[in-house]
PDB file of all heavy atoms in Angstrom:
ATOM      1  N   ILE A   1     -75.985 -46.085 -71.678  1.00  0.00           N
ATOM      2  CA  ILE A   1     -76.387 -44.935 -70.929  1.00  0.00           C
ATOM      3  C   ILE A   1     -75.148 -44.357 -70.216  1.00  0.00           C
ATOM      4  O   ILE A   1     -74.351 -45.069 -69.596  1.00  0.00           O
ATOM      5  CB  ILE A   1     -77.482 -45.252 -69.882  1.00  0.00           C
ATOM      6  CG1 ILE A   1     -78.673 -45.948 -70.556  1.00  0.00           C
ATOM      7  CG2 ILE A   1     -77.949 -43.970 -69.150  1.00  0.00           C
ATOM      8  CD1 ILE A   1     -79.319 -45.126 -71.637  1.00  0.00           C
ATOM      9  N   VAL A   2     -74.950 -43.005 -70.349  1.00  0.00           N
ATOM     10  CA  VAL A   2     -73.753 -42.389 -69.766  1.00  0.00           C
ATOM     11  C   VAL A   2     -74.255 -41.201 -68.937  1.00  0.00           C
ATOM     12  O   VAL A   2     -75.376 -40.695 -69.027  1.00  0.00           O
ATOM     13  CB  VAL A   2     -72.831 -41.869 -70.864  1.00  0.00           C
ATOM     14  CG1 VAL A   2     -72.210 -43.069 -71.627  1.00  0.00           C
ATOM     15  CG2 VAL A   2     -73.522 -40.931 -71.797  1.00  0.00           C
ATOM     16  N   ASP A   3     -73.289 -40.729 -68.090  1.00  0.00           N
ATOM     17  CA  ASP A   3     -73.565 -39.488 -67.340  1.00  0.00           C
ATOM     18  C   ASP A   3     -72.971 -38.302 -68.102  1.00  0.00           C
ATOM     19  O   ASP A   3     -72.519 -38.476 -69.253  1.00  0.00           O
ATOM     20  CB  ASP A   3     -73.047 -39.585 -65.881  1.00  0.00           C
ATOM     21  CG  ASP A   3     -71.541 -39.735 -65.836  1.00  0.00           C
ATOM     22  OD1 ASP A   3     -70.827 -39.522 -66.830  1.00  0.00           O
ATOM     23  OD2 ASP A   3     -71.041 -40.094 -64.746  1.00  0.00           O
ATOM     24  N   GLU A   4     -72.966 -37.109 -67.495  1.00  0.00           N
ATOM     25  CA  GLU A   4     -72.507 -35.946 -68.228  1.00  0.00           C
ATOM     26  C   GLU A   4     -70.989 -35.992 -68.478  1.00  0.00           C
ATOM     27  O   GLU A   4     -70.504 -35.236 -69.327  1.00  0.00           O
ATOM     28  CB  GLU A   4     -72.829 -34.653 -67.388  1.00  0.00           C
ATOM     29  CG  GLU A   4     -72.100 -34.535 -66.066  1.00  0.00           C
ATOM     30  CD  GLU A   4     -72.719 -35.288 -64.929  1.00  0.00           C
ATOM     31  OE1 GLU A   4     -73.777 -35.945 -65.116  1.00  0.00           O
ATOM     32  OE2 GLU A   4     -72.165 -35.196 -63.815  1.00  0.00           O
ATOM     33  N   ASN A   5     -70.278 -36.904 -67.868  1.00  0.00           N
ATOM     34  CA  ASN A   5     -68.832 -37.102 -68.130  1.00  0.00           C
ATOM     35  C   ASN A   5     -68.638 -38.232 -69.149  1.00  0.00           C
ATOM     36  O   ASN A   5     -67.422 -38.539 -69.414  1.00  0.00           O
ATOM     37  CB  ASN A   5     -68.108 -37.419 -66.840  1.00  0.00           C
ATOM     38  CG  ASN A   5     -68.174 -36.294 -65.817  1.00  0.00           C
ATOM     39  OD1 ASN A   5     -67.999 -35.116 -66.185  1.00  0.00           O
ATOM     40  ND2 ASN A   5     -68.534 -36.634 -64.588  1.00  0.00           N
ATOM     41  N   LEU A   6     -69.669 -38.756 -69.644  1.00  0.00           N
ATOM     42  CA  LEU A   6     -69.660 -39.890 -70.625  1.00  0.00           C
ATOM     43  C   LEU A   6     -69.103 -41.144 -69.968  1.00  0.00           C
ATOM     44  O   LEU A   6     -68.628 -42.060 -70.643  1.00  0.00           O
ATOM     45  CB  LEU A   6     -68.912 -39.561 -71.902  1.00  0.00           C
ATOM     46  CG  LEU A   6     -69.580 -38.392 -72.716  1.00  0.00           C
ATOM     47  CD1 LEU A   6     -68.800 -38.172 -74.014  1.00  0.00           C
ATOM     48  CD2 LEU A   6     -71.041 -38.671 -73.024  1.00  0.00           C
ATOM     49  N   GLN A   7     -69.299 -41.300 -68.656  1.00  0.00           N
ATOM     50  CA  GLN A   7     -68.963 -42.507 -67.921  1.00  0.00           C
ATOM     51  C   GLN A   7     -70.206 -43.369 -68.049  1.00  0.00           C
ATOM     52  O   GLN A   7     -71.286 -42.930 -67.802  1.00  0.00           O
ATOM     53  CB  GLN A   7     -68.591 -42.232 -66.492  1.00  0.00           C
ATOM     54  CG  GLN A   7     -68.067 -43.483 -65.786  1.00  0.00           C
ATOM     55  CD  GLN A   7     -67.353 -43.157 -64.489  1.00  0.00           C
ATOM     56  OE1 GLN A   7     -67.397 -42.050 -63.977  1.00  0.00           O
ATOM     57  NE2 GLN A   7     -66.708 -44.158 -63.911  1.00  0.00           N
ATOM     58  N   VAL A   8     -69.961 -44.631 -68.452  1.00  0.00           N
ATOM     59  CA  VAL A   8     -71.084 -45.534 -68.651  1.00  0.00           C
ATOM     60  C   VAL A   8     -71.714 -45.900 -67.303  1.00  0.00           C
ATOM     61  O   VAL A   8     -71.031 -46.180 -66.331  1.00  0.00           O
ATOM     62  CB  VAL A   8     -70.588 -46.822 -69.375  1.00  0.00           C
ATOM     63  CG1 VAL A   8     -71.753 -47.839 -69.582  1.00  0.00           C
ATOM     64  CG2 VAL A   8     -69.964 -46.478 -70.729  1.00  0.00           C
ATOM     65  N   LEU A   9     -73.064 -45.961 -67.319  1.00  0.00           N
ATOM     66  CA  LEU A   9     -73.810 -46.288 -66.097  1.00  0.00           C
ATOM     67  C   LEU A   9     -74.269 -47.702 -66.133  1.00  0.00           C
ATOM     68  O   LEU A   9     -74.594 -48.254 -67.199  1.00  0.00           O
ATOM     69  CB  LEU A   9     -74.976 -45.364 -65.952  1.00  0.00           C
ATOM     70  CG  LEU A   9     -74.724 -43.862 -65.986  1.00  0.00           C
ATOM     71  CD1 LEU A   9     -76.014 -43.027 -65.853  1.00  0.00           C
ATOM     72  CD2 LEU A   9     -73.748 -43.444 -64.864  1.00  0.00           C
ATOM     73  N   ASN A  10     -74.350 -48.354 -64.969  1.00  0.00           N
ATOM     74  CA  ASN A  10     -74.863 -49.709 -64.847  1.00  0.00           C
ATOM     75  C   ASN A  10     -76.369 -49.745 -64.815  1.00  0.00           C
ATOM     76  O   ASN A  10     -76.974 -48.652 -64.914  1.00  0.00           O
ATOM     77  CB  ASN A  10     -74.217 -50.463 -63.703  1.00  0.00           C
ATOM     78  CG  ASN A  10     -74.557 -49.922 -62.352  1.00  0.00           C
ATOM     79  OD1 ASN A  10     -75.576 -49.184 -62.186  1.00  0.00           O
ATOM     80  ND2 ASN A  10     -73.813 -50.229 -61.313  1.00  0.00           N
ATOM     81  N   GLN A  11     -76.957 -50.901 -64.650  1.00  0.00           N
ATOM     82  CA  GLN A  11     -78.436 -50.952 -64.628  1.00  0.00           C
ATOM     83  C   GLN A  11     -79.040 -50.226 -63.473  1.00  0.00           C
ATOM     84  O   GLN A  11     -80.230 -49.854 -63.509  1.00  0.00           O
ATOM     85  CB  GLN A  11     -78.886 -52.431 -64.624  1.00  0.00           C
ATOM     86  CG  GLN A  11     -78.568 -53.118 -65.955  1.00  0.00           C
ATOM     87  CD  GLN A  11     -79.033 -54.591 -65.963  1.00  0.00           C
ATOM     88  OE1 GLN A  11     -79.200 -55.196 -64.924  1.00  0.00           O
ATOM     89  NE2 GLN A  11     -79.182 -55.115 -67.152  1.00  0.00           N
ATOM     90  N   GLU A  12     -78.308 -49.981 -62.463  1.00  0.00           N
ATOM     91  CA  GLU A  12     -78.828 -49.252 -61.272  1.00  0.00           C
ATOM     92  C   GLU A  12     -78.583 -47.732 -61.440  1.00  0.00           C
ATOM     93  O   GLU A  12     -78.891 -46.937 -60.591  1.00  0.00           O
ATOM     94  CB  GLU A  12     -78.169 -49.703 -59.951  1.00  0.00           C
ATOM     95  CG  GLU A  12     -78.575 -51.090 -59.466  1.00  0.00           C
ATOM     96  CD  GLU A  12     -77.941 -52.196 -60.279  1.00  0.00           C
ATOM     97  OE1 GLU A  12     -76.742 -52.139 -60.576  1.00  0.00           O
ATOM     98  OE2 GLU A  12     -78.642 -53.110 -60.643  1.00  0.00           O
ATOM     99  N   GLY A  13     -77.996 -47.287 -62.614  1.00  0.00           N
ATOM    100  CA  GLY A  13     -77.746 -45.927 -62.856  1.00  0.00           C
ATOM    101  C   GLY A  13     -76.501 -45.376 -62.183  1.00  0.00           C
ATOM    102  O   GLY A  13     -76.306 -44.156 -62.119  1.00  0.00           O
ATOM    103  N   LYS A  14     -75.617 -46.266 -61.783  1.00  0.00           N
ATOM    104  CA  LYS A  14     -74.368 -45.835 -61.105  1.00  0.00           C
ATOM    105  C   LYS A  14     -73.193 -45.988 -62.126  1.00  0.00           C
ATOM    106  O   LYS A  14     -73.119 -46.902 -62.878  1.00  0.00           O
ATOM    107  CB  LYS A  14     -74.126 -46.680 -59.877  1.00  0.00           C
ATOM    108  CG  LYS A  14     -75.241 -46.606 -58.828  1.00  0.00           C
ATOM    109  CD  LYS A  14     -74.746 -46.899 -57.493  1.00  0.00           C
ATOM    110  CE  LYS A  14     -75.835 -46.883 -56.433  1.00  0.00           C
ATOM    111  NZ  LYS A  14     -76.674 -45.774 -56.356  1.00  0.00           N
ATOM    112  N   PRO A  15     -72.224 -45.000 -62.041  1.00  0.00           N
ATOM    113  CA  PRO A  15     -71.066 -45.111 -62.940  1.00  0.00           C
ATOM    114  C   PRO A  15     -70.249 -46.389 -62.765  1.00  0.00           C
ATOM    115  O   PRO A  15     -70.033 -46.805 -61.637  1.00  0.00           O
ATOM    116  CB  PRO A  15     -70.227 -43.878 -62.563  1.00  0.00           C
ATOM    117  CG  PRO A  15     -71.187 -42.958 -61.877  1.00  0.00           C
ATOM    118  CD  PRO A  15     -72.184 -43.864 -61.174  1.00  0.00           C
ATOM    119  N   ILE A  16     -69.853 -46.964 -63.895  1.00  0.00           N
ATOM    120  CA  ILE A  16     -68.983 -48.161 -63.898  1.00  0.00           C
ATOM    121  C   ILE A  16     -67.521 -47.623 -63.831  1.00  0.00           C
ATOM    122  O   ILE A  16     -67.132 -46.914 -64.790  1.00  0.00           O
ATOM    123  CB  ILE A  16     -69.227 -49.065 -65.095  1.00  0.00           C
ATOM    124  CG1 ILE A  16     -70.672 -49.558 -65.104  1.00  0.00           C
ATOM    125  CG2 ILE A  16     -68.223 -50.228 -65.152  1.00  0.00           C
ATOM    126  CD1 ILE A  16     -71.107 -50.269 -66.386  1.00  0.00           C
ATOM    127  N   PRO A  17     -66.778 -47.923 -62.816  1.00  0.00           N
ATOM    128  CA  PRO A  17     -65.440 -47.402 -62.681  1.00  0.00           C
ATOM    129  C   PRO A  17     -64.546 -47.667 -63.914  1.00  0.00           C
ATOM    130  O   PRO A  17     -64.519 -48.864 -64.370  1.00  0.00           O
ATOM    131  CB  PRO A  17     -64.892 -48.104 -61.466  1.00  0.00           C
ATOM    132  CG  PRO A  17     -66.091 -48.480 -60.689  1.00  0.00           C
ATOM    133  CD  PRO A  17     -67.172 -48.770 -61.690  1.00  0.00           C
ATOM    134  N   GLY A  18     -63.961 -46.641 -64.472  1.00  0.00           N
ATOM    135  CA  GLY A  18     -63.012 -46.790 -65.581  1.00  0.00           C
ATOM    136  C   GLY A  18     -63.610 -47.014 -66.957  1.00  0.00           C
ATOM    137  O   GLY A  18     -62.945 -47.214 -67.943  1.00  0.00           O
ATOM    138  N   LEU A  19     -64.991 -46.977 -67.064  1.00  0.00           N
ATOM    139  CA  LEU A  19     -65.567 -47.284 -68.378  1.00  0.00           C
ATOM    140  C   LEU A  19     -66.290 -46.003 -68.881  1.00  0.00           C
ATOM    141  O   LEU A  19     -67.245 -45.487 -68.312  1.00  0.00           O
ATOM    142  CB  LEU A  19     -66.627 -48.398 -68.232  1.00  0.00           C
ATOM    143  CG  LEU A  19     -67.259 -48.796 -69.583  1.00  0.00           C
ATOM    144  CD1 LEU A  19     -66.221 -49.262 -70.593  1.00  0.00           C
ATOM    145  CD2 LEU A  19     -68.287 -49.923 -69.344  1.00  0.00           C
ATOM    146  N   TYR A  20     -65.725 -45.493 -69.971  1.00  0.00           N
ATOM    147  CA  TYR A  20     -66.235 -44.291 -70.649  1.00  0.00           C
ATOM    148  C   TYR A  20     -66.599 -44.675 -72.086  1.00  0.00           C
ATOM    149  O   TYR A  20     -66.048 -45.613 -72.615  1.00  0.00           O
ATOM    150  CB  TYR A  20     -65.187 -43.177 -70.620  1.00  0.00           C
ATOM    151  CG  TYR A  20     -64.890 -42.667 -69.246  1.00  0.00           C
ATOM    152  CD1 TYR A  20     -64.042 -43.336 -68.415  1.00  0.00           C
ATOM    153  CD2 TYR A  20     -65.537 -41.505 -68.766  1.00  0.00           C
ATOM    154  CE1 TYR A  20     -63.796 -42.908 -67.124  1.00  0.00           C
ATOM    155  CE2 TYR A  20     -65.265 -41.073 -67.490  1.00  0.00           C
ATOM    156  CZ  TYR A  20     -64.397 -41.752 -66.662  1.00  0.00           C
ATOM    157  OH  TYR A  20     -64.134 -41.316 -65.400  1.00  0.00           O
ATOM    158  N   ALA A  21     -67.421 -43.917 -72.687  1.00  0.00           N
ATOM    159  CA  ALA A  21     -67.825 -44.189 -74.050  1.00  0.00           C
ATOM    160  C   ALA A  21     -67.924 -42.921 -74.874  1.00  0.00           C
ATOM    161  O   ALA A  21     -68.179 -41.830 -74.310  1.00  0.00           O
ATOM    162  CB  ALA A  21     -69.202 -44.907 -74.057  1.00  0.00           C
ATOM    163  N   ALA A  22     -67.715 -43.038 -76.146  1.00  0.00           N
ATOM    164  CA  ALA A  22     -67.790 -41.885 -77.052  1.00  0.00           C
ATOM    165  C   ALA A  22     -68.238 -42.376 -78.462  1.00  0.00           C
ATOM    166  O   ALA A  22     -68.108 -43.554 -78.768  1.00  0.00           O
ATOM    167  CB  ALA A  22     -66.461 -41.206 -77.145  1.00  0.00           C
ATOM    168  N   GLY A  23     -68.683 -41.461 -79.229  1.00  0.00           N
ATOM    169  CA  GLY A  23     -69.122 -41.775 -80.623  1.00  0.00           C
ATOM    170  C   GLY A  23     -70.478 -42.355 -80.699  1.00  0.00           C
ATOM    171  O   GLY A  23     -71.360 -42.113 -79.892  1.00  0.00           O
ATOM    172  N   GLU A  24     -70.693 -43.186 -81.772  1.00  0.00           N
ATOM    173  CA  GLU A  24     -72.030 -43.692 -82.058  1.00  0.00           C
ATOM    174  C   GLU A  24     -72.566 -44.609 -80.928  1.00  0.00           C
ATOM    175  O   GLU A  24     -73.779 -44.710 -80.795  1.00  0.00           O
ATOM    176  CB  GLU A  24     -71.973 -44.472 -83.386  1.00  0.00           C
ATOM    177  CG  GLU A  24     -73.304 -44.764 -83.945  1.00  0.00           C
ATOM    178  CD  GLU A  24     -73.270 -45.256 -85.372  1.00  0.00           C
ATOM    179  OE1 GLU A  24     -72.202 -45.165 -86.014  1.00  0.00           O
ATOM    180  OE2 GLU A  24     -74.332 -45.667 -85.834  1.00  0.00           O
ATOM    181  N   ILE A  25     -71.715 -45.204 -80.183  1.00  0.00           N
ATOM    182  CA  ILE A  25     -72.202 -46.061 -79.065  1.00  0.00           C
ATOM    183  C   ILE A  25     -72.986 -45.309 -78.053  1.00  0.00           C
ATOM    184  O   ILE A  25     -73.781 -45.852 -77.303  1.00  0.00           O
ATOM    185  CB  ILE A  25     -71.004 -46.858 -78.410  1.00  0.00           C
ATOM    186  CG1 ILE A  25     -71.515 -47.960 -77.510  1.00  0.00           C
ATOM    187  CG2 ILE A  25     -70.125 -45.925 -77.635  1.00  0.00           C
ATOM    188  CD1 ILE A  25     -72.104 -49.109 -78.216  1.00  0.00           C
ATOM    189  N   VAL A  26     -72.856 -43.988 -77.987  1.00  0.00           N
ATOM    190  CA  VAL A  26     -73.616 -43.145 -77.050  1.00  0.00           C
ATOM    191  C   VAL A  26     -74.459 -42.103 -77.814  1.00  0.00           C
ATOM    192  O   VAL A  26     -74.666 -40.998 -77.347  1.00  0.00           O
ATOM    193  CB  VAL A  26     -72.751 -42.437 -75.987  1.00  0.00           C
ATOM    194  CG1 VAL A  26     -72.334 -43.406 -74.937  1.00  0.00           C
ATOM    195  CG2 VAL A  26     -71.604 -41.728 -76.608  1.00  0.00           C
ATOM    196  N   ASN A  27     -74.927 -42.464 -79.018  1.00  0.00           N
ATOM    197  CA  ASN A  27     -75.694 -41.468 -79.779  1.00  0.00           C
ATOM    198  C   ASN A  27     -77.201 -41.375 -79.463  1.00  0.00           C
ATOM    199  O   ASN A  27     -77.886 -40.669 -80.120  1.00  0.00           O
ATOM    200  CB  ASN A  27     -75.463 -41.688 -81.273  1.00  0.00           C
ATOM    201  CG  ASN A  27     -76.250 -42.850 -81.752  1.00  0.00           C
ATOM    202  OD1 ASN A  27     -76.783 -43.670 -81.034  1.00  0.00           O
ATOM    203  ND2 ASN A  27     -76.333 -42.942 -83.053  1.00  0.00           N
ATOM    204  N   ALA A  28     -77.630 -41.948 -78.386  1.00  0.00           N
ATOM    205  CA  ALA A  28     -79.048 -41.794 -77.977  1.00  0.00           C
ATOM    206  C   ALA A  28     -79.304 -40.322 -77.626  1.00  0.00           C
ATOM    207  O   ALA A  28     -80.439 -39.900 -77.534  1.00  0.00           O
ATOM    208  CB  ALA A  28     -79.391 -42.693 -76.825  1.00  0.00           C
ATOM    209  N   VAL A  29     -78.228 -39.539 -77.478  1.00  0.00           N
ATOM    210  CA  VAL A  29     -78.403 -38.130 -77.202  1.00  0.00           C
ATOM    211  C   VAL A  29     -79.115 -37.440 -78.365  1.00  0.00           C
ATOM    212  O   VAL A  29     -79.670 -36.361 -78.213  1.00  0.00           O
ATOM    213  CB  VAL A  29     -77.041 -37.426 -76.963  1.00  0.00           C
ATOM    214  CG1 VAL A  29     -76.373 -37.970 -75.679  1.00  0.00           C
ATOM    215  CG2 VAL A  29     -76.111 -37.547 -78.164  1.00  0.00           C
ATOM    216  N   HIS A  30     -79.138 -38.066 -79.542  1.00  0.00           N
ATOM    217  CA  HIS A  30     -79.788 -37.472 -80.713  1.00  0.00           C
ATOM    218  C   HIS A  30     -81.312 -37.708 -80.696  1.00  0.00           C
ATOM    219  O   HIS A  30     -81.995 -37.127 -81.591  1.00  0.00           O
ATOM    220  CB  HIS A  30     -79.264 -38.072 -82.040  1.00  0.00           C
ATOM    221  CG  HIS A  30     -77.787 -37.889 -82.237  1.00  0.00           C
ATOM    222  ND1 HIS A  30     -77.166 -36.660 -81.999  1.00  0.00           N
ATOM    223  CD2 HIS A  30     -76.810 -38.762 -82.538  1.00  0.00           C
ATOM    224  CE1 HIS A  30     -75.910 -36.803 -82.255  1.00  0.00           C
ATOM    225  NE2 HIS A  30     -75.638 -38.052 -82.583  1.00  0.00           N
ATOM    226  N   GLY A  31     -81.846 -38.487 -79.841  1.00  0.00           N
ATOM    227  CA  GLY A  31     -83.268 -38.743 -79.820  1.00  0.00           C
ATOM    228  C   GLY A  31     -83.528 -39.892 -80.778  1.00  0.00           C
ATOM    229  O   GLY A  31     -82.836 -40.914 -80.752  1.00  0.00           O
ATOM    230  N   ASP A  32     -84.558 -39.780 -81.625  1.00  0.00           N
ATOM    231  CA  ASP A  32     -84.923 -40.859 -82.531  1.00  0.00           C
ATOM    232  C   ASP A  32     -84.587 -40.590 -83.988  1.00  0.00           C
ATOM    233  O   ASP A  32     -85.072 -41.251 -84.903  1.00  0.00           O
ATOM    234  CB  ASP A  32     -86.372 -41.236 -82.386  1.00  0.00           C
ATOM    235  CG  ASP A  32     -87.350 -40.066 -82.708  1.00  0.00           C
ATOM    236  OD1 ASP A  32     -86.852 -39.022 -83.128  1.00  0.00           O
ATOM    237  OD2 ASP A  32     -88.572 -40.253 -82.582  1.00  0.00           O
ATOM    238  N   ASP A  33     -83.738 -39.594 -84.239  1.00  0.00           N
ATOM    239  CA  ASP A  33     -83.304 -39.310 -85.572  1.00  0.00           C
ATOM    240  C   ASP A  33     -81.996 -38.578 -85.548  1.00  0.00           C
ATOM    241  O   ASP A  33     -81.601 -38.022 -84.532  1.00  0.00           O
ATOM    242  CB  ASP A  33     -84.372 -38.471 -86.303  1.00  0.00           C
ATOM    243  CG  ASP A  33     -84.243 -38.476 -87.835  1.00  0.00           C
ATOM    244  OD1 ASP A  33     -83.394 -39.261 -88.327  1.00  0.00           O
ATOM    245  OD2 ASP A  33     -85.007 -37.766 -88.489  1.00  0.00           O
ATOM    246  N   SER A  34     -81.286 -38.549 -86.701  1.00  0.00           N
ATOM    247  CA  SER A  34     -80.059 -37.788 -86.761  1.00  0.00           C
ATOM    248  C   SER A  34     -79.963 -37.146 -88.151  1.00  0.00           C
ATOM    249  O   SER A  34     -80.385 -37.772 -89.120  1.00  0.00           O
ATOM    250  CB  SER A  34     -78.846 -38.620 -86.443  1.00  0.00           C
ATOM    251  OG  SER A  34     -78.633 -39.601 -87.408  1.00  0.00           O
ATOM    252  N   SER A  35     -79.386 -35.938 -88.254  1.00  0.00           N
ATOM    253  CA  SER A  35     -79.206 -35.277 -89.490  1.00  0.00           C
ATOM    254  C   SER A  35     -77.895 -35.666 -90.106  1.00  0.00           C
ATOM    255  O   SER A  35     -76.969 -36.075 -89.346  1.00  0.00           O
ATOM    256  CB  SER A  35     -79.192 -33.768 -89.262  1.00  0.00           C
ATOM    257  OG  SER A  35     -80.420 -33.373 -88.673  1.00  0.00           O
ATOM    258  N   PRO A  36     -77.756 -35.545 -91.455  1.00  0.00           N
ATOM    259  CA  PRO A  36     -76.466 -35.848 -92.083  1.00  0.00           C
ATOM    260  C   PRO A  36     -75.321 -35.021 -91.400  1.00  0.00           C
ATOM    261  O   PRO A  36     -75.465 -33.821 -91.185  1.00  0.00           O
ATOM    262  CB  PRO A  36     -76.668 -35.404 -93.520  1.00  0.00           C
ATOM    263  CG  PRO A  36     -78.137 -35.467 -93.757  1.00  0.00           C
ATOM    264  CD  PRO A  36     -78.758 -35.146 -92.412  1.00  0.00           C
ATOM    265  N   GLY A  37     -74.256 -35.709 -91.115  1.00  0.00           N
ATOM    266  CA  GLY A  37     -73.111 -35.049 -90.495  1.00  0.00           C
ATOM    267  C   GLY A  37     -73.127 -34.955 -88.991  1.00  0.00           C
ATOM    268  O   GLY A  37     -72.154 -34.633 -88.363  1.00  0.00           O
ATOM    269  N   MET A  38     -74.277 -35.188 -88.404  1.00  0.00           N
ATOM    270  CA  MET A  38     -74.472 -35.022 -86.966  1.00  0.00           C
ATOM    271  C   MET A  38     -73.547 -35.976 -86.195  1.00  0.00           C
ATOM    272  O   MET A  38     -72.948 -35.605 -85.190  1.00  0.00           O
ATOM    273  CB  MET A  38     -75.892 -35.277 -86.578  1.00  0.00           C
ATOM    274  CG  MET A  38     -76.235 -35.199 -85.091  1.00  0.00           C
ATOM    275  SD  MET A  38     -77.914 -35.634 -84.802  1.00  0.00           S
ATOM    276  CE  MET A  38     -78.667 -34.045 -84.695  1.00  0.00           C
ATOM    277  N   ASN A  39     -73.456 -37.226 -86.668  1.00  0.00           N
ATOM    278  CA  ASN A  39     -72.633 -38.182 -85.933  1.00  0.00           C
ATOM    279  C   ASN A  39     -71.136 -37.874 -86.011  1.00  0.00           C
ATOM    280  O   ASN A  39     -70.397 -38.295 -85.105  1.00  0.00           O
ATOM    281  CB  ASN A  39     -72.941 -39.632 -86.428  1.00  0.00           C
ATOM    282  CG  ASN A  39     -74.309 -40.090 -85.895  1.00  0.00           C
ATOM    283  OD1 ASN A  39     -74.696 -39.714 -84.760  1.00  0.00           O
ATOM    284  ND2 ASN A  39     -74.992 -40.825 -86.688  1.00  0.00           N
ATOM    285  N   VAL A  40     -70.710 -37.240 -87.080  1.00  0.00           N
ATOM    286  CA  VAL A  40     -69.299 -36.830 -87.176  1.00  0.00           C
ATOM    287  C   VAL A  40     -69.021 -35.827 -86.071  1.00  0.00           C
ATOM    288  O   VAL A  40     -68.010 -35.986 -85.293  1.00  0.00           O
ATOM    289  CB  VAL A  40     -68.963 -36.294 -88.558  1.00  0.00           C
ATOM    290  CG1 VAL A  40     -67.572 -35.734 -88.609  1.00  0.00           C
ATOM    291  CG2 VAL A  40     -69.147 -37.339 -89.639  1.00  0.00           C
ATOM    292  N   ALA A  41     -69.822 -34.806 -85.984  1.00  0.00           N
ATOM    293  CA  ALA A  41     -69.641 -33.802 -84.941  1.00  0.00           C
ATOM    294  C   ALA A  41     -69.730 -34.428 -83.577  1.00  0.00           C
ATOM    295  O   ALA A  41     -68.951 -34.087 -82.649  1.00  0.00           O
ATOM    296  CB  ALA A  41     -70.682 -32.662 -85.100  1.00  0.00           C
ATOM    297  N   TRP A  42     -70.729 -35.320 -83.402  1.00  0.00           N
ATOM    298  CA  TRP A  42     -70.902 -35.980 -82.089  1.00  0.00           C
ATOM    299  C   TRP A  42     -69.664 -36.839 -81.746  1.00  0.00           C
ATOM    300  O   TRP A  42     -69.232 -36.903 -80.625  1.00  0.00           O
ATOM    301  CB  TRP A  42     -72.142 -36.814 -82.046  1.00  0.00           C
ATOM    302  CG  TRP A  42     -72.256 -37.617 -80.779  1.00  0.00           C
ATOM    303  CD1 TRP A  42     -72.309 -38.952 -80.669  1.00  0.00           C
ATOM    304  CD2 TRP A  42     -72.343 -37.129 -79.440  1.00  0.00           C
ATOM    305  NE1 TRP A  42     -72.387 -39.343 -79.382  1.00  0.00           N
ATOM    306  CE2 TRP A  42     -72.455 -38.220 -78.599  1.00  0.00           C
ATOM    307  CE3 TRP A  42     -72.381 -35.820 -78.883  1.00  0.00           C
ATOM    308  CZ2 TRP A  42     -72.538 -38.091 -77.226  1.00  0.00           C
ATOM    309  CZ3 TRP A  42     -72.471 -35.722 -77.518  1.00  0.00           C
ATOM    310  CH2 TRP A  42     -72.568 -36.837 -76.703  1.00  0.00           C
ATOM    311  N   GLY A  43     -69.101 -37.487 -82.718  1.00  0.00           N
ATOM    312  CA  GLY A  43     -67.897 -38.319 -82.504  1.00  0.00           C
ATOM    313  C   GLY A  43     -66.747 -37.453 -81.986  1.00  0.00           C
ATOM    314  O   GLY A  43     -66.088 -37.824 -80.987  1.00  0.00           O
ATOM    315  N   PHE A  44     -66.500 -36.343 -82.566  1.00  0.00           N
ATOM    316  CA  PHE A  44     -65.440 -35.420 -82.112  1.00  0.00           C
ATOM    317  C   PHE A  44     -65.699 -34.887 -80.750  1.00  0.00           C
ATOM    318  O   PHE A  44     -64.832 -34.909 -79.859  1.00  0.00           O
ATOM    319  CB  PHE A  44     -65.226 -34.233 -83.113  1.00  0.00           C
ATOM    320  CG  PHE A  44     -64.592 -34.625 -84.379  1.00  0.00           C
ATOM    321  CD1 PHE A  44     -65.171 -34.210 -85.603  1.00  0.00           C
ATOM    322  CD2 PHE A  44     -63.471 -35.402 -84.440  1.00  0.00           C
ATOM    323  CE1 PHE A  44     -64.604 -34.580 -86.793  1.00  0.00           C
ATOM    324  CE2 PHE A  44     -62.897 -35.776 -85.639  1.00  0.00           C
ATOM    325  CZ  PHE A  44     -63.471 -35.316 -86.808  1.00  0.00           C
ATOM    326  N   THR A  45     -66.962 -34.400 -80.573  1.00  0.00           N
ATOM    327  CA  THR A  45     -67.319 -33.763 -79.323  1.00  0.00           C
ATOM    328  C   THR A  45     -67.304 -34.744 -78.142  1.00  0.00           C
ATOM    329  O   THR A  45     -66.671 -34.481 -77.078  1.00  0.00           O
ATOM    330  CB  THR A  45     -68.705 -33.093 -79.366  1.00  0.00           C
ATOM    331  OG1 THR A  45     -68.677 -32.155 -80.436  1.00  0.00           O
ATOM    332  CG2 THR A  45     -69.082 -32.429 -78.104  1.00  0.00           C
TER     333      THR A  45
END
């Protein structure tokens, strides 16, 4: 789970200092499905 800056949140929902995530590890933004090519665009963004 991340905030709008992609900083990883702990179990209490607070940012973990210095820990950011990108790519497939934070793809829950897609909901419960993804379209072909979606993860490539998400990785870059």
